[in-house]
Amino acid sequence: FAASGGITSVGGAVDALPFSTAELAAIVDEVERHKVYCTAHCHPDAGIRRAIEAGVHCIEHATMIEPETARLGAARGTFFVPTAAVFDAIAAEGERLGYAPESLAKLAQVRPAVESGLRHLRDAGAVVGFGSDLLGPLEARQLQEFAVRAAVFSPAELLRQATSVNARILRREGELGVIAPGALADLIAV
């Protein structure tokens, strides 16, 4: 669910927070009663903090996260899936692909926070998964997520994010993200 405004939407501010604290808690309660989990799209620090405090299991983007909020998320065991490559991709191709000027203006507002947000998550010891948020014609840039994150995370950390951490986020440990009998895997040795 969207716990904050977005970038590619034309209307609304990125730092808009569409749910009340009670509504966030209700979302978490509902998914937990059904034995599933929820992830929250969220860019601004205030929204990320509110989602963590409500018990949201995973934060998608977390672009504008501050150190204190990253530490709170790490302490609470919240998963984070930053999406760094999408910002460069939209900046490079957004106008050609017809992204609205309002969306490109919001991108310019958020994009400078990408690397510092990754650093805050790393420094806090937060559990970071892997995703790119690249869809449609931007999918060809999927591997750029590794390159962008390499400014902050080691190659070993990046591989764990894309494999075993993502398996934990999806609640499919032992089946995904591991090389073991009975697990699903494609293995490439380089």
N, C-alpha and C. Protein backbone atom coordinates (compact mmCIF):
# COMPACT_ATOMS: atom_id res chain seq x y z
N PHE A 1 0.84 -1.18 0.00
CA PHE A 1 0.00 0.00 0.00
C PHE A 1 0.88 1.24 0.00
N ALA A 2 0.34 2.35 -0.41
CA ALA A 2 1.11 3.59 -0.50
C ALA A 2 0.97 4.39 0.79
N ALA A 3 2.05 4.45 1.56
CA ALA A 3 2.05 5.19 2.82
C ALA A 3 2.52 6.62 2.63
N SER A 4 2.83 6.98 1.40
CA SER A 4 3.18 8.37 1.08
C SER A 4 2.84 8.63 -0.37
N GLY A 5 2.98 9.88 -0.76
CA GLY A 5 2.81 10.21 -2.16
C GLY A 5 3.91 9.57 -2.99
N GLY A 6 3.74 9.64 -4.30
CA GLY A 6 4.71 9.04 -5.19
C GLY A 6 5.32 10.05 -6.14
N ILE A 7 6.16 9.55 -6.99
CA ILE A 7 6.86 10.41 -7.94
C ILE A 7 6.17 10.40 -9.29
N THR A 8 5.81 9.23 -9.78
CA THR A 8 5.26 9.17 -11.13
C THR A 8 3.81 9.59 -11.20
N SER A 9 3.14 9.69 -10.07
CA SER A 9 1.78 10.22 -10.08
C SER A 9 1.83 11.73 -10.32
N VAL A 10 0.90 12.22 -11.07
CA VAL A 10 0.91 13.64 -11.41
C VAL A 10 0.45 14.49 -10.22
N GLY A 11 -0.58 14.05 -9.55
CA GLY A 11 -1.12 14.82 -8.43
C GLY A 11 -0.50 14.44 -7.11
N GLY A 12 -0.63 15.32 -6.16
CA GLY A 12 -0.20 15.04 -4.80
C GLY A 12 1.29 15.23 -4.59
N ALA A 13 1.63 15.52 -3.36
CA ALA A 13 3.02 15.73 -2.97
C ALA A 13 3.67 14.42 -2.57
N VAL A 14 4.96 14.31 -2.78
CA VAL A 14 5.70 13.11 -2.38
C VAL A 14 5.60 12.88 -0.88
N ASP A 15 5.59 13.98 -0.12
CA ASP A 15 5.56 13.83 1.34
C ASP A 15 4.15 13.80 1.92
N ALA A 16 3.13 13.65 1.08
CA ALA A 16 1.77 13.47 1.56
C ALA A 16 1.66 12.11 2.25
N LEU A 17 0.93 12.08 3.36
CA LEU A 17 0.76 10.85 4.14
C LEU A 17 -0.73 10.50 4.17
N PRO A 18 -1.17 9.60 3.29
CA PRO A 18 -2.60 9.38 3.08
C PRO A 18 -3.32 8.60 4.18
N PHE A 19 -2.60 7.93 5.07
CA PHE A 19 -3.26 7.13 6.10
C PHE A 19 -3.00 7.70 7.49
N SER A 20 -4.00 7.63 8.33
CA SER A 20 -3.83 8.01 9.73
C SER A 20 -3.05 6.92 10.45
N THR A 21 -2.59 7.22 11.65
CA THR A 21 -1.88 6.23 12.46
C THR A 21 -2.79 5.02 12.72
N ALA A 22 -4.06 5.27 13.01
CA ALA A 22 -5.00 4.19 13.26
C ALA A 22 -5.20 3.32 12.01
N GLU A 23 -5.24 3.95 10.85
CA GLU A 23 -5.40 3.19 9.61
C GLU A 23 -4.18 2.33 9.32
N LEU A 24 -2.98 2.87 9.59
CA LEU A 24 -1.76 2.07 9.41
C LEU A 24 -1.80 0.84 10.32
N ALA A 25 -2.17 1.04 11.58
CA ALA A 25 -2.26 -0.07 12.53
C ALA A 25 -3.30 -1.08 12.08
N ALA A 26 -4.41 -0.61 11.50
CA ALA A 26 -5.45 -1.52 11.02
C ALA A 26 -4.96 -2.37 9.85
N ILE A 27 -4.18 -1.77 8.96
CA ILE A 27 -3.62 -2.53 7.84
C ILE A 27 -2.73 -3.65 8.36
N VAL A 28 -1.85 -3.32 9.30
CA VAL A 28 -0.95 -4.32 9.86
C VAL A 28 -1.75 -5.41 10.58
N ASP A 29 -2.73 -5.03 11.37
CA ASP A 29 -3.57 -6.00 12.07
C ASP A 29 -4.26 -6.94 11.09
N GLU A 30 -4.80 -6.36 10.03
CA GLU A 30 -5.54 -7.17 9.05
C GLU A 30 -4.64 -8.21 8.38
N VAL A 31 -3.46 -7.79 7.92
CA VAL A 31 -2.60 -8.76 7.23
C VAL A 31 -2.07 -9.81 8.19
N GLU A 32 -1.76 -9.41 9.41
CA GLU A 32 -1.24 -10.39 10.37
C GLU A 32 -2.30 -11.41 10.76
N ARG A 33 -3.56 -11.01 10.85
CA ARG A 33 -4.63 -11.97 11.15
C ARG A 33 -4.80 -12.98 10.03
N HIS A 34 -4.40 -12.61 8.82
CA HIS A 34 -4.48 -13.51 7.68
C HIS A 34 -3.15 -14.22 7.42
N LYS A 35 -2.21 -14.05 8.35
CA LYS A 35 -0.90 -14.73 8.28
C LYS A 35 -0.10 -14.34 7.04
N VAL A 36 -0.25 -13.09 6.61
CA VAL A 36 0.56 -12.56 5.52
C VAL A 36 1.22 -11.28 6.03
N TYR A 37 1.87 -10.56 5.16
CA TYR A 37 2.59 -9.36 5.56
C TYR A 37 2.26 -8.22 4.61
N CYS A 38 2.68 -7.03 4.98
CA CYS A 38 2.45 -5.89 4.11
C CYS A 38 3.74 -5.13 3.88
N THR A 39 3.80 -4.51 2.73
CA THR A 39 4.89 -3.60 2.40
C THR A 39 4.27 -2.23 2.12
N ALA A 40 5.01 -1.20 2.44
CA ALA A 40 4.51 0.15 2.25
C ALA A 40 5.44 0.93 1.33
N HIS A 41 4.88 1.43 0.24
CA HIS A 41 5.58 2.40 -0.61
C HIS A 41 5.71 3.66 0.23
N CYS A 42 6.93 4.15 0.42
CA CYS A 42 7.09 5.35 1.23
C CYS A 42 8.43 6.01 0.94
N HIS A 43 8.41 7.30 0.62
CA HIS A 43 9.64 8.05 0.38
C HIS A 43 10.07 8.93 1.56
N PRO A 44 9.18 9.73 2.17
CA PRO A 44 9.63 10.69 3.18
C PRO A 44 9.89 10.06 4.54
N ASP A 45 10.82 10.63 5.26
CA ASP A 45 11.19 10.10 6.57
C ASP A 45 10.01 10.02 7.52
N ALA A 46 9.18 11.05 7.58
CA ALA A 46 8.04 11.04 8.51
C ALA A 46 7.11 9.87 8.24
N GLY A 47 6.85 9.59 6.98
CA GLY A 47 5.99 8.47 6.63
C GLY A 47 6.63 7.13 6.94
N ILE A 48 7.93 7.03 6.71
CA ILE A 48 8.65 5.79 7.01
C ILE A 48 8.57 5.50 8.50
N ARG A 49 8.83 6.53 9.31
CA ARG A 49 8.79 6.37 10.77
C ARG A 49 7.40 5.92 11.23
N ARG A 50 6.36 6.55 10.72
CA ARG A 50 5.00 6.18 11.09
C ARG A 50 4.70 4.73 10.71
N ALA A 51 5.16 4.32 9.53
CA ALA A 51 4.92 2.94 9.10
C ALA A 51 5.66 1.94 9.99
N ILE A 52 6.89 2.26 10.35
CA ILE A 52 7.65 1.38 11.24
C ILE A 52 6.96 1.27 12.59
N GLU A 53 6.56 2.41 13.14
CA GLU A 53 5.90 2.42 14.44
C GLU A 53 4.59 1.65 14.43
N ALA A 54 3.91 1.61 13.29
CA ALA A 54 2.67 0.86 13.16
C ALA A 54 2.91 -0.63 12.97
N GLY A 55 4.16 -1.03 12.73
CA GLY A 55 4.48 -2.45 12.58
C GLY A 55 4.52 -2.94 11.15
N VAL A 56 4.55 -2.02 10.17
CA VAL A 56 4.65 -2.44 8.77
C VAL A 56 5.90 -3.29 8.60
N HIS A 57 5.80 -4.37 7.87
CA HIS A 57 6.86 -5.36 7.78
C HIS A 57 8.00 -4.97 6.86
N CYS A 58 7.69 -4.23 5.80
CA CYS A 58 8.71 -3.89 4.80
C CYS A 58 8.39 -2.53 4.21
N ILE A 59 9.43 -1.72 4.05
CA ILE A 59 9.29 -0.40 3.46
C ILE A 59 9.93 -0.43 2.07
N GLU A 60 9.14 -0.11 1.07
CA GLU A 60 9.64 0.00 -0.30
C GLU A 60 10.10 1.43 -0.53
N HIS A 61 11.24 1.60 -1.07
CA HIS A 61 11.88 2.89 -1.40
C HIS A 61 12.68 3.42 -0.21
N ALA A 62 12.02 3.95 0.82
CA ALA A 62 12.70 4.54 1.99
C ALA A 62 13.73 5.57 1.56
N THR A 63 13.45 6.27 0.50
CA THR A 63 14.42 7.13 -0.15
C THR A 63 14.96 8.24 0.75
N MET A 64 14.09 8.89 1.49
CA MET A 64 14.47 10.07 2.26
C MET A 64 14.66 9.74 3.75
N ILE A 65 14.97 8.49 4.05
CA ILE A 65 15.13 8.06 5.44
C ILE A 65 16.30 8.77 6.11
N GLU A 66 16.11 9.10 7.36
CA GLU A 66 17.14 9.75 8.17
C GLU A 66 17.76 8.71 9.11
N PRO A 67 18.95 9.01 9.66
CA PRO A 67 19.64 8.02 10.50
C PRO A 67 18.81 7.49 11.67
N GLU A 68 18.10 8.36 12.37
CA GLU A 68 17.33 7.91 13.54
C GLU A 68 16.23 6.94 13.13
N THR A 69 15.56 7.21 12.03
CA THR A 69 14.50 6.33 11.55
C THR A 69 15.09 5.01 11.06
N ALA A 70 16.24 5.06 10.42
CA ALA A 70 16.90 3.83 9.98
C ALA A 70 17.25 2.97 11.19
N ARG A 71 17.73 3.60 12.25
CA ARG A 71 18.05 2.84 13.47
C ARG A 71 16.79 2.24 14.09
N LEU A 72 15.70 2.98 14.10
CA LEU A 72 14.43 2.46 14.62
C LEU A 72 13.99 1.24 13.81
N GLY A 73 14.05 1.34 12.49
CA GLY A 73 13.68 0.22 11.64
C GLY A 73 14.56 -1.00 11.87
N ALA A 74 15.85 -0.76 12.03
CA ALA A 74 16.77 -1.87 12.30
C ALA A 74 16.43 -2.53 13.63
N ALA A 75 16.15 -1.73 14.64
CA ALA A 75 15.83 -2.26 15.96
C ALA A 75 14.52 -3.05 15.95
N ARG A 76 13.58 -2.63 15.13
CA ARG A 76 12.27 -3.30 15.06
C ARG A 76 12.26 -4.48 14.10
N GLY A 77 13.34 -4.67 13.34
CA GLY A 77 13.39 -5.78 12.38
C GLY A 77 12.62 -5.51 11.10
N THR A 78 12.38 -4.26 10.79
CA THR A 78 11.70 -3.89 9.55
C THR A 78 12.63 -4.16 8.37
N PHE A 79 12.08 -4.71 7.32
CA PHE A 79 12.83 -4.88 6.08
C PHE A 79 12.72 -3.60 5.26
N PHE A 80 13.75 -3.32 4.46
CA PHE A 80 13.74 -2.17 3.56
C PHE A 80 14.14 -2.64 2.17
N VAL A 81 13.43 -2.16 1.17
CA VAL A 81 13.79 -2.45 -0.22
C VAL A 81 13.91 -1.11 -0.95
N PRO A 82 15.10 -0.49 -0.86
CA PRO A 82 15.30 0.75 -1.60
C PRO A 82 15.29 0.46 -3.10
N THR A 83 14.94 1.44 -3.85
CA THR A 83 14.93 1.30 -5.31
C THR A 83 15.69 2.49 -5.87
N ALA A 84 16.97 2.32 -6.06
CA ALA A 84 17.84 3.43 -6.42
C ALA A 84 17.94 3.68 -7.93
N ALA A 85 17.97 2.64 -8.72
CA ALA A 85 18.19 2.79 -10.17
C ALA A 85 17.04 3.49 -10.87
N VAL A 86 15.84 3.38 -10.33
CA VAL A 86 14.68 3.97 -11.00
C VAL A 86 14.83 5.49 -11.13
N PHE A 87 15.50 6.12 -10.19
CA PHE A 87 15.64 7.57 -10.24
C PHE A 87 16.51 8.00 -11.41
N ASP A 88 17.62 7.31 -11.60
CA ASP A 88 18.49 7.61 -12.74
C ASP A 88 17.79 7.29 -14.06
N ALA A 89 17.04 6.19 -14.07
CA ALA A 89 16.36 5.78 -15.30
C ALA A 89 15.31 6.79 -15.72
N ILE A 90 14.51 7.25 -14.76
CA ILE A 90 13.47 8.23 -15.10
C ILE A 90 14.10 9.56 -15.46
N ALA A 91 15.18 9.94 -14.76
CA ALA A 91 15.86 11.19 -15.10
C ALA A 91 16.39 11.15 -16.54
N ALA A 92 16.90 9.98 -16.94
CA ALA A 92 17.48 9.84 -18.28
C ALA A 92 16.43 9.71 -19.37
N GLU A 93 15.34 9.01 -19.09
CA GLU A 93 14.40 8.66 -20.14
C GLU A 93 12.98 9.15 -19.91
N GLY A 94 12.73 9.76 -18.76
CA GLY A 94 11.36 10.14 -18.41
C GLY A 94 10.70 11.07 -19.40
N GLU A 95 11.39 12.09 -19.83
CA GLU A 95 10.80 13.04 -20.76
C GLU A 95 10.46 12.36 -22.09
N ARG A 96 11.40 11.54 -22.59
CA ARG A 96 11.18 10.81 -23.85
C ARG A 96 10.00 9.85 -23.73
N LEU A 97 9.81 9.27 -22.56
CA LEU A 97 8.74 8.30 -22.36
C LEU A 97 7.40 8.96 -22.01
N GLY A 98 7.40 10.28 -21.92
CA GLY A 98 6.14 10.98 -21.68
C GLY A 98 5.78 11.20 -20.23
N TYR A 99 6.74 11.10 -19.33
CA TYR A 99 6.45 11.40 -17.93
C TYR A 99 6.05 12.87 -17.83
N ALA A 100 5.08 13.15 -17.02
CA ALA A 100 4.57 14.52 -16.87
C ALA A 100 5.61 15.42 -16.22
N PRO A 101 5.62 16.69 -16.55
CA PRO A 101 6.54 17.63 -15.91
C PRO A 101 6.43 17.63 -14.37
N GLU A 102 5.20 17.42 -13.87
CA GLU A 102 5.01 17.36 -12.41
C GLU A 102 5.77 16.18 -11.81
N SER A 103 5.76 15.06 -12.50
CA SER A 103 6.49 13.88 -12.02
C SER A 103 7.99 14.11 -12.06
N LEU A 104 8.47 14.73 -13.11
CA LEU A 104 9.90 14.99 -13.22
C LEU A 104 10.35 16.00 -12.16
N ALA A 105 9.47 16.94 -11.79
CA ALA A 105 9.79 17.89 -10.73
C ALA A 105 9.88 17.18 -9.38
N LYS A 106 8.97 16.23 -9.14
CA LYS A 106 9.03 15.46 -7.89
C LYS A 106 10.28 14.59 -7.86
N LEU A 107 10.65 14.04 -8.99
CA LEU A 107 11.88 13.25 -9.09
C LEU A 107 13.08 14.10 -8.67
N ALA A 108 13.14 15.31 -9.17
CA ALA A 108 14.26 16.21 -8.83
C ALA A 108 14.29 16.52 -7.34
N GLN A 109 13.13 16.53 -6.70
CA GLN A 109 13.05 16.78 -5.26
C GLN A 109 13.62 15.61 -4.45
N VAL A 110 13.36 14.40 -4.89
CA VAL A 110 13.70 13.20 -4.11
C VAL A 110 15.07 12.62 -4.47
N ARG A 111 15.45 12.70 -5.71
CA ARG A 111 16.66 12.04 -6.21
C ARG A 111 17.93 12.33 -5.42
N PRO A 112 18.16 13.56 -4.94
CA PRO A 112 19.39 13.82 -4.19
C PRO A 112 19.53 13.02 -2.89
N ALA A 113 18.43 12.46 -2.38
CA ALA A 113 18.47 11.73 -1.11
C ALA A 113 18.81 10.25 -1.27
N VAL A 114 18.89 9.76 -2.50
CA VAL A 114 19.02 8.32 -2.72
C VAL A 114 20.26 7.73 -2.05
N GLU A 115 21.43 8.23 -2.34
CA GLU A 115 22.66 7.63 -1.80
C GLU A 115 22.74 7.79 -0.29
N SER A 116 22.36 8.94 0.23
CA SER A 116 22.43 9.12 1.69
C SER A 116 21.44 8.19 2.39
N GLY A 117 20.28 7.96 1.79
CA GLY A 117 19.34 7.01 2.36
C GLY A 117 19.92 5.61 2.43
N LEU A 118 20.59 5.19 1.38
CA LEU A 118 21.25 3.87 1.39
C LEU A 118 22.31 3.81 2.49
N ARG A 119 23.08 4.88 2.64
CA ARG A 119 24.12 4.92 3.68
C ARG A 119 23.51 4.85 5.08
N HIS A 120 22.40 5.55 5.29
CA HIS A 120 21.75 5.51 6.61
C HIS A 120 21.28 4.10 6.94
N LEU A 121 20.72 3.41 5.95
CA LEU A 121 20.27 2.04 6.17
C LEU A 121 21.46 1.13 6.49
N ARG A 122 22.53 1.26 5.72
CA ARG A 122 23.73 0.45 5.96
C ARG A 122 24.30 0.72 7.35
N ASP A 123 24.48 1.99 7.68
CA ASP A 123 25.09 2.35 8.96
C ASP A 123 24.25 1.92 10.15
N ALA A 124 22.92 1.86 9.97
CA ALA A 124 22.03 1.44 11.06
C ALA A 124 22.00 -0.07 11.22
N GLY A 125 22.54 -0.80 10.25
CA GLY A 125 22.46 -2.26 10.30
C GLY A 125 21.09 -2.77 9.92
N ALA A 126 20.34 -1.99 9.16
CA ALA A 126 19.00 -2.40 8.73
C ALA A 126 19.09 -3.57 7.76
N VAL A 127 18.03 -4.36 7.70
CA VAL A 127 17.96 -5.49 6.78
C VAL A 127 17.45 -4.95 5.45
N VAL A 128 18.31 -4.99 4.44
CA VAL A 128 18.02 -4.38 3.14
C VAL A 128 17.88 -5.46 2.08
N GLY A 129 16.73 -5.46 1.42
CA GLY A 129 16.48 -6.36 0.30
C GLY A 129 16.78 -5.65 -1.01
N PHE A 130 16.41 -6.30 -2.09
CA PHE A 130 16.79 -5.81 -3.41
C PHE A 130 15.58 -5.68 -4.32
N GLY A 131 15.44 -4.53 -4.94
CA GLY A 131 14.41 -4.28 -5.93
C GLY A 131 14.80 -3.06 -6.72
N SER A 132 14.18 -2.86 -7.86
CA SER A 132 14.55 -1.73 -8.70
C SER A 132 13.39 -0.81 -9.02
N ASP A 133 12.16 -1.30 -8.95
CA ASP A 133 10.96 -0.53 -9.30
C ASP A 133 10.95 -0.14 -10.77
N LEU A 134 11.72 -0.81 -11.59
CA LEU A 134 11.78 -0.50 -13.02
C LEU A 134 10.77 -1.36 -13.76
N LEU A 135 9.88 -0.69 -14.48
CA LEU A 135 8.80 -1.38 -15.18
C LEU A 135 8.77 -0.98 -16.64
N GLY A 136 8.11 -1.78 -17.43
CA GLY A 136 7.89 -1.44 -18.83
C GLY A 136 9.17 -1.17 -19.58
N PRO A 137 9.24 -0.05 -20.30
CA PRO A 137 10.41 0.23 -21.13
C PRO A 137 11.68 0.48 -20.31
N LEU A 138 11.55 0.67 -19.01
CA LEU A 138 12.73 0.88 -18.17
C LEU A 138 13.31 -0.42 -17.61
N GLU A 139 12.63 -1.55 -17.85
CA GLU A 139 13.10 -2.84 -17.33
C GLU A 139 14.49 -3.21 -17.80
N ALA A 140 14.88 -2.73 -18.96
CA ALA A 140 16.21 -3.06 -19.49
C ALA A 140 17.32 -2.53 -18.60
N ARG A 141 17.00 -1.65 -17.67
CA ARG A 141 17.99 -1.06 -16.76
C ARG A 141 18.05 -1.78 -15.40
N GLN A 142 17.42 -2.94 -15.28
CA GLN A 142 17.34 -3.64 -13.99
C GLN A 142 18.70 -3.81 -13.31
N LEU A 143 19.70 -4.19 -14.06
CA LEU A 143 21.01 -4.47 -13.45
C LEU A 143 21.70 -3.21 -12.94
N GLN A 144 21.24 -2.05 -13.34
CA GLN A 144 21.84 -0.81 -12.84
C GLN A 144 21.64 -0.64 -11.33
N GLU A 145 20.66 -1.35 -10.78
CA GLU A 145 20.45 -1.28 -9.33
C GLU A 145 21.71 -1.75 -8.60
N PHE A 146 22.36 -2.78 -9.12
CA PHE A 146 23.61 -3.24 -8.52
C PHE A 146 24.67 -2.13 -8.58
N ALA A 147 24.79 -1.48 -9.71
CA ALA A 147 25.82 -0.45 -9.89
C ALA A 147 25.58 0.74 -8.98
N VAL A 148 24.34 1.18 -8.86
CA VAL A 148 24.05 2.33 -8.00
C VAL A 148 24.34 1.99 -6.54
N ARG A 149 23.92 0.83 -6.10
CA ARG A 149 24.14 0.42 -4.70
C ARG A 149 25.61 0.14 -4.39
N ALA A 150 26.40 -0.17 -5.40
CA ALA A 150 27.81 -0.49 -5.18
C ALA A 150 28.58 0.69 -4.60
N ALA A 151 28.05 1.88 -4.69
CA ALA A 151 28.69 3.05 -4.06
C ALA A 151 28.58 2.97 -2.54
N VAL A 152 27.69 2.12 -2.03
CA VAL A 152 27.44 2.05 -0.59
C VAL A 152 27.68 0.65 -0.03
N PHE A 153 27.27 -0.38 -0.76
CA PHE A 153 27.33 -1.75 -0.28
C PHE A 153 28.41 -2.55 -1.00
N SER A 154 28.99 -3.52 -0.29
CA SER A 154 29.99 -4.40 -0.89
C SER A 154 29.31 -5.38 -1.84
N PRO A 155 30.08 -6.00 -2.75
CA PRO A 155 29.49 -7.01 -3.63
C PRO A 155 28.81 -8.14 -2.84
N ALA A 156 29.42 -8.58 -1.75
CA ALA A 156 28.81 -9.66 -0.95
C ALA A 156 27.48 -9.20 -0.36
N GLU A 157 27.43 -7.96 0.13
CA GLU A 157 26.17 -7.44 0.68
C GLU A 157 25.09 -7.37 -0.40
N LEU A 158 25.48 -6.93 -1.59
CA LEU A 158 24.53 -6.84 -2.70
C LEU A 158 23.97 -8.21 -3.08
N LEU A 159 24.83 -9.21 -3.12
CA LEU A 159 24.36 -10.56 -3.45
C LEU A 159 23.41 -11.09 -2.38
N ARG A 160 23.71 -10.83 -1.12
CA ARG A 160 22.80 -11.26 -0.06
C ARG A 160 21.46 -10.53 -0.18
N GLN A 161 21.49 -9.23 -0.47
CA GLN A 161 20.25 -8.47 -0.61
C GLN A 161 19.36 -9.08 -1.69
N ALA A 162 19.97 -9.45 -2.81
CA ALA A 162 19.21 -9.96 -3.95
C ALA A 162 18.82 -11.43 -3.81
N THR A 163 19.36 -12.13 -2.84
CA THR A 163 19.08 -13.56 -2.72
C THR A 163 18.49 -13.90 -1.35
N SER A 164 19.32 -14.12 -0.37
CA SER A 164 18.83 -14.61 0.92
C SER A 164 17.96 -13.60 1.65
N VAL A 165 18.26 -12.31 1.56
CA VAL A 165 17.40 -11.32 2.23
C VAL A 165 16.04 -11.26 1.54
N ASN A 166 16.03 -11.25 0.22
CA ASN A 166 14.74 -11.25 -0.47
C ASN A 166 13.94 -12.51 -0.14
N ALA A 167 14.61 -13.64 0.02
CA ALA A 167 13.90 -14.86 0.42
C ALA A 167 13.24 -14.66 1.79
N ARG A 168 13.94 -14.00 2.71
CA ARG A 168 13.35 -13.73 4.03
C ARG A 168 12.15 -12.80 3.91
N ILE A 169 12.27 -11.76 3.09
CA ILE A 169 11.17 -10.82 2.91
C ILE A 169 9.94 -11.54 2.37
N LEU A 170 10.15 -12.44 1.42
CA LEU A 170 9.04 -13.18 0.80
C LEU A 170 8.58 -14.37 1.64
N ARG A 171 9.27 -14.59 2.77
CA ARG A 171 8.97 -15.73 3.65
C ARG A 171 9.11 -17.06 2.91
N ARG A 172 10.20 -17.14 2.14
CA ARG A 172 10.47 -18.37 1.39
C ARG A 172 11.91 -18.83 1.62
N GLU A 173 12.38 -18.65 2.86
CA GLU A 173 13.73 -19.11 3.21
C GLU A 173 13.82 -20.62 3.03
N GLY A 174 14.99 -21.07 2.58
CA GLY A 174 15.18 -22.48 2.34
C GLY A 174 14.72 -22.91 0.96
N GLU A 175 13.87 -22.10 0.35
CA GLU A 175 13.36 -22.39 -0.98
C GLU A 175 14.00 -21.46 -2.02
N LEU A 176 14.17 -20.19 -1.65
CA LEU A 176 14.78 -19.18 -2.52
C LEU A 176 16.01 -18.62 -1.82
N GLY A 177 16.95 -18.11 -2.60
CA GLY A 177 18.09 -17.40 -2.03
C GLY A 177 19.13 -18.27 -1.37
N VAL A 178 19.10 -19.55 -1.64
CA VAL A 178 20.05 -20.48 -1.04
C VAL A 178 20.36 -21.60 -2.04
N ILE A 179 21.56 -22.09 -1.97
CA ILE A 179 21.92 -23.25 -2.79
C ILE A 179 21.87 -24.44 -1.85
N ALA A 180 20.81 -25.23 -1.98
CA ALA A 180 20.60 -26.37 -1.08
C ALA A 180 19.67 -27.38 -1.75
N PRO A 181 19.74 -28.63 -1.34
CA PRO A 181 18.83 -29.64 -1.90
C PRO A 181 17.38 -29.20 -1.69
N GLY A 182 16.59 -29.29 -2.76
CA GLY A 182 15.18 -28.95 -2.70
C GLY A 182 14.87 -27.49 -2.94
N ALA A 183 15.89 -26.64 -2.95
CA ALA A 183 15.65 -25.21 -3.19
C ALA A 183 15.52 -24.94 -4.68
N LEU A 184 14.84 -23.85 -5.01
CA LEU A 184 14.72 -23.42 -6.40
C LEU A 184 15.92 -22.53 -6.70
N ALA A 185 16.62 -22.80 -7.78
CA ALA A 185 17.80 -21.98 -8.05
C ALA A 185 18.21 -22.05 -9.50
N ASP A 186 18.80 -20.94 -9.94
CA ASP A 186 19.60 -20.90 -11.15
C ASP A 186 20.98 -20.53 -10.67
N LEU A 187 21.96 -21.25 -11.08
CA LEU A 187 23.31 -21.03 -10.59
C LEU A 187 24.24 -20.75 -11.75
N ILE A 188 24.95 -19.65 -11.65
CA ILE A 188 25.94 -19.28 -12.67
C ILE A 188 27.27 -19.10 -11.97
N ALA A 189 28.28 -19.79 -12.42
CA ALA A 189 29.63 -19.63 -11.87
C ALA A 189 30.44 -18.78 -12.83
N VAL A 190 31.04 -17.74 -12.30
CA VAL A 190 31.84 -16.83 -13.13
C VAL A 190 33.27 -16.86 -12.64
